[in-house]
């Protein structure tokens, strides 16, 4: 098995991961139960399960681990999962700044690393936390490297369309 040394960047669609073997598609969700804008729309066009699982997870939050930094893996196919990672406080930029919470993304990626390693899975994602959440990839990329790549998890980041990058 080749040594994993860095993130692979591809132009394409993170909902159609390009790799052999088990795969996890990772993305960032908010902590208020909202699912309706951004990358989640692409996920929902392909599979109903991630949204249904996220909404049920949020509804049952009084009795489960739903909250910033938590991860929910949802099986959507043979050896294919979607990781709903709670890395965003609310959905609007306000007095507390943009919704992204880097420490929550960091915690979620740490949890995801264990799940991916257990499954022997590679991880595929858009530039998480950098769309509607308002984050900067220069802050997220080192977290992905430290939590996933450094632990031997292969990571592919997908840039969609012309304006990406």
Protein backbone atom coordinates (compact mmCIF):
# COMPACT_ATOMS: atom_id res chain seq x y z
CA UNK A 1 0.00 0.00 0.00
CA UNK A 2 1.55 3.36 -0.96
CA UNK A 3 2.30 5.78 1.85
CA UNK A 4 -0.24 8.57 2.24
CA UNK A 5 1.72 11.82 2.16
CA UNK A 6 -0.71 14.56 1.26
CA UNK A 7 -4.19 15.58 0.19
CA UNK A 8 -5.09 14.88 -3.44
CA UNK A 9 -6.97 17.69 -5.18
CA UNK A 10 -9.30 16.91 -8.09
CA UNK A 11 -11.76 18.93 -10.11
CA UNK A 12 -15.04 17.08 -9.88
CA UNK A 13 -17.99 16.09 -7.75
CA UNK A 14 -17.37 14.91 -4.18
CA UNK A 15 -20.67 12.99 -4.30
CA UNK A 16 -19.09 10.75 -6.96
CA UNK A 17 -15.80 9.83 -5.27
CA UNK A 18 -13.01 8.59 -7.50
CA UNK A 19 -11.23 5.73 -5.69
CA UNK A 20 -11.16 2.00 -5.19
CA UNK A 21 -12.29 0.39 -1.96
CA UNK A 22 -14.44 1.71 0.88
CA UNK A 23 -15.14 5.45 0.79
CA UNK A 24 -16.50 8.11 3.14
CA UNK A 25 -17.86 11.40 1.80
CA UNK A 26 -17.33 14.00 4.53
CA UNK A 27 -19.09 17.33 4.85
CA UNK A 28 -19.90 19.94 7.48
CA UNK A 29 -23.40 20.44 8.92
CA UNK A 30 -24.76 23.12 11.23
CA UNK A 31 -25.83 22.59 14.84
CA UNK A 32 -29.43 23.84 14.46
CA UNK A 33 -30.96 21.11 12.31
CA UNK A 34 -30.95 23.05 9.04
CA UNK A 35 -30.34 21.12 5.80
CA UNK A 36 -31.18 22.94 2.60
CA UNK A 37 -28.30 24.93 1.09
CA UNK A 38 -24.87 24.22 -0.27
CA UNK A 39 -23.25 20.80 -0.61
CA UNK A 40 -26.10 19.02 1.22
CA UNK A 41 -28.33 19.67 -1.79
CA UNK A 42 -25.96 17.64 -3.97
CA UNK A 43 -25.98 14.86 -1.37
CA UNK A 44 -29.78 14.86 -1.19
CA UNK A 45 -30.07 14.66 -4.98
CA UNK A 46 -28.18 11.34 -4.80
CA UNK A 47 -29.39 9.81 -1.54
CA UNK A 48 -32.23 10.55 0.90
CA UNK A 49 -30.54 8.78 3.84
CA UNK A 50 -27.98 11.42 4.97
CA UNK A 51 -30.63 14.15 5.35
CA UNK A 52 -33.14 11.82 7.04
CA UNK A 53 -30.47 10.56 9.46
CA UNK A 54 -29.24 14.10 10.22
CA UNK A 55 -32.77 15.37 10.91
CA UNK A 56 -33.53 12.39 13.17
CA UNK A 57 -30.18 12.88 14.95
CA UNK A 58 -31.04 16.55 15.55
CA UNK A 59 -34.59 15.75 16.70
CA UNK A 60 -33.25 13.25 19.22
CA UNK A 61 -30.39 15.49 20.39
CA UNK A 62 -31.58 15.48 24.02
CA UNK A 63 -30.59 11.81 24.18
CA UNK A 64 -27.65 11.49 21.79
CA UNK A 65 -24.27 13.02 20.93
CA UNK A 66 -25.58 15.64 18.44
CA UNK A 67 -23.54 18.82 18.82
CA UNK A 68 -20.43 20.63 17.64
CA UNK A 69 -17.64 18.17 16.84
CA UNK A 70 -19.92 15.13 16.53
CA UNK A 71 -19.91 12.81 13.51
CA UNK A 72 -22.69 10.61 12.14
CA UNK A 73 -21.82 8.01 9.49
CA UNK A 74 -24.68 7.10 7.19
CA UNK A 75 -24.39 4.13 4.83
CA UNK A 76 -25.56 5.05 1.32
CA UNK A 77 -24.18 2.17 -0.72
CA UNK A 78 -21.91 -0.85 -0.70
CA UNK A 79 -18.79 0.31 1.20
CA UNK A 80 -19.89 3.94 0.85
CA UNK A 81 -20.81 6.25 3.73
CA UNK A 82 -21.62 9.93 4.18
CA UNK A 83 -20.13 11.57 7.29
CA UNK A 84 -22.38 14.30 8.68
CA UNK A 85 -19.92 16.37 10.75
CA UNK A 86 -21.25 19.14 13.00
CA UNK A 87 -18.75 21.95 12.42
CA UNK A 88 -20.85 25.05 12.15
CA UNK A 89 -22.73 27.09 14.77
CA UNK A 90 -26.00 28.24 13.23
CA UNK A 91 -26.22 29.38 9.61
CA UNK A 92 -25.75 33.16 9.63
CA UNK A 93 -22.79 35.46 10.01
CA UNK A 94 -23.44 37.70 13.00
CA UNK A 95 -21.77 39.30 16.01
CA UNK A 96 -19.87 36.06 16.66
CA UNK A 97 -18.48 36.05 13.12
CA UNK A 98 -18.99 33.39 10.47
CA UNK A 99 -20.77 30.11 11.36
CA UNK A 100 -17.72 27.84 10.89
CA UNK A 101 -16.18 26.49 14.10
CA UNK A 102 -12.66 25.26 13.39
CA UNK A 103 -12.32 23.51 16.76
CA UNK A 104 -15.51 21.54 16.01
CA UNK A 105 -14.24 20.58 12.54
CA UNK A 106 -10.96 19.52 14.16
CA UNK A 107 -12.80 17.33 16.69
CA UNK A 108 -15.06 15.85 14.00
CA UNK A 109 -12.09 15.05 11.75
CA UNK A 110 -10.40 13.31 14.68
CA UNK A 111 -13.50 11.13 15.16
CA UNK A 112 -13.78 10.56 11.41
CA UNK A 113 -10.15 9.35 11.25
CA UNK A 114 -10.96 6.48 13.58
CA UNK A 115 -14.11 5.56 11.67
CA UNK A 116 -12.31 5.68 8.30
CA UNK A 117 -9.36 3.64 9.58
CA UNK A 118 -11.71 1.03 11.06
CA UNK A 119 -13.40 0.64 7.66
CA UNK A 120 -10.17 0.87 5.62
CA UNK A 121 -11.85 3.79 3.84
CA UNK A 122 -10.55 6.78 1.95
CA UNK A 123 -12.18 10.16 2.66
CA UNK A 124 -13.64 12.44 -0.02
CA UNK A 125 -14.86 15.98 0.54
CA UNK A 126 -15.44 19.42 -0.88
CA UNK A 127 -13.46 22.21 0.85
CA UNK A 128 -15.39 21.62 4.06
CA UNK A 129 -16.44 24.61 6.11
CA UNK A 130 -15.48 27.03 3.35
CA UNK A 131 -18.78 27.55 1.55
CA UNK A 132 -21.83 28.79 3.42
CA UNK A 133 -20.03 28.31 6.77
CA UNK A 134 -17.64 31.11 5.77
CA UNK A 135 -14.40 29.37 6.72
CA UNK A 136 -11.00 29.69 5.09
CA UNK A 137 -9.32 26.64 3.56
CA UNK A 138 -5.98 27.93 4.88
CA UNK A 139 -7.37 27.15 8.38
CA UNK A 140 -9.16 23.88 7.49
CA UNK A 141 -6.49 22.23 5.33
CA UNK A 142 -3.94 21.82 8.19
CA UNK A 143 -6.67 20.15 10.29
CA UNK A 144 -7.38 17.67 7.48
CA UNK A 145 -3.64 16.96 7.18
CA UNK A 146 -3.14 16.52 10.92
CA UNK A 147 -6.25 14.48 11.71
CA UNK A 148 -6.55 12.31 8.58
CA UNK A 149 -3.45 12.31 6.36
CA UNK A 150 -1.02 12.02 9.29
CA UNK A 151 -2.98 8.96 10.46
CA UNK A 152 -2.65 7.25 7.08
CA UNK A 153 -6.13 8.06 5.75
CA UNK A 154 -6.19 8.89 2.02
CA UNK A 155 -8.01 12.19 1.43
CA UNK A 156 -9.30 13.61 -1.85
CA UNK A 157 -10.66 17.15 -1.99
CA UNK A 158 -12.94 18.01 -4.90
CA UNK A 159 -13.23 21.44 -6.46
CA UNK A 160 -16.47 21.76 -8.37
CA UNK A 161 -16.80 23.92 -11.46
CA UNK A 162 -14.69 26.74 -12.86
CA UNK A 163 -14.55 29.17 -9.95
CA UNK A 164 -13.08 26.68 -7.48
CA UNK A 165 -9.61 26.90 -6.08
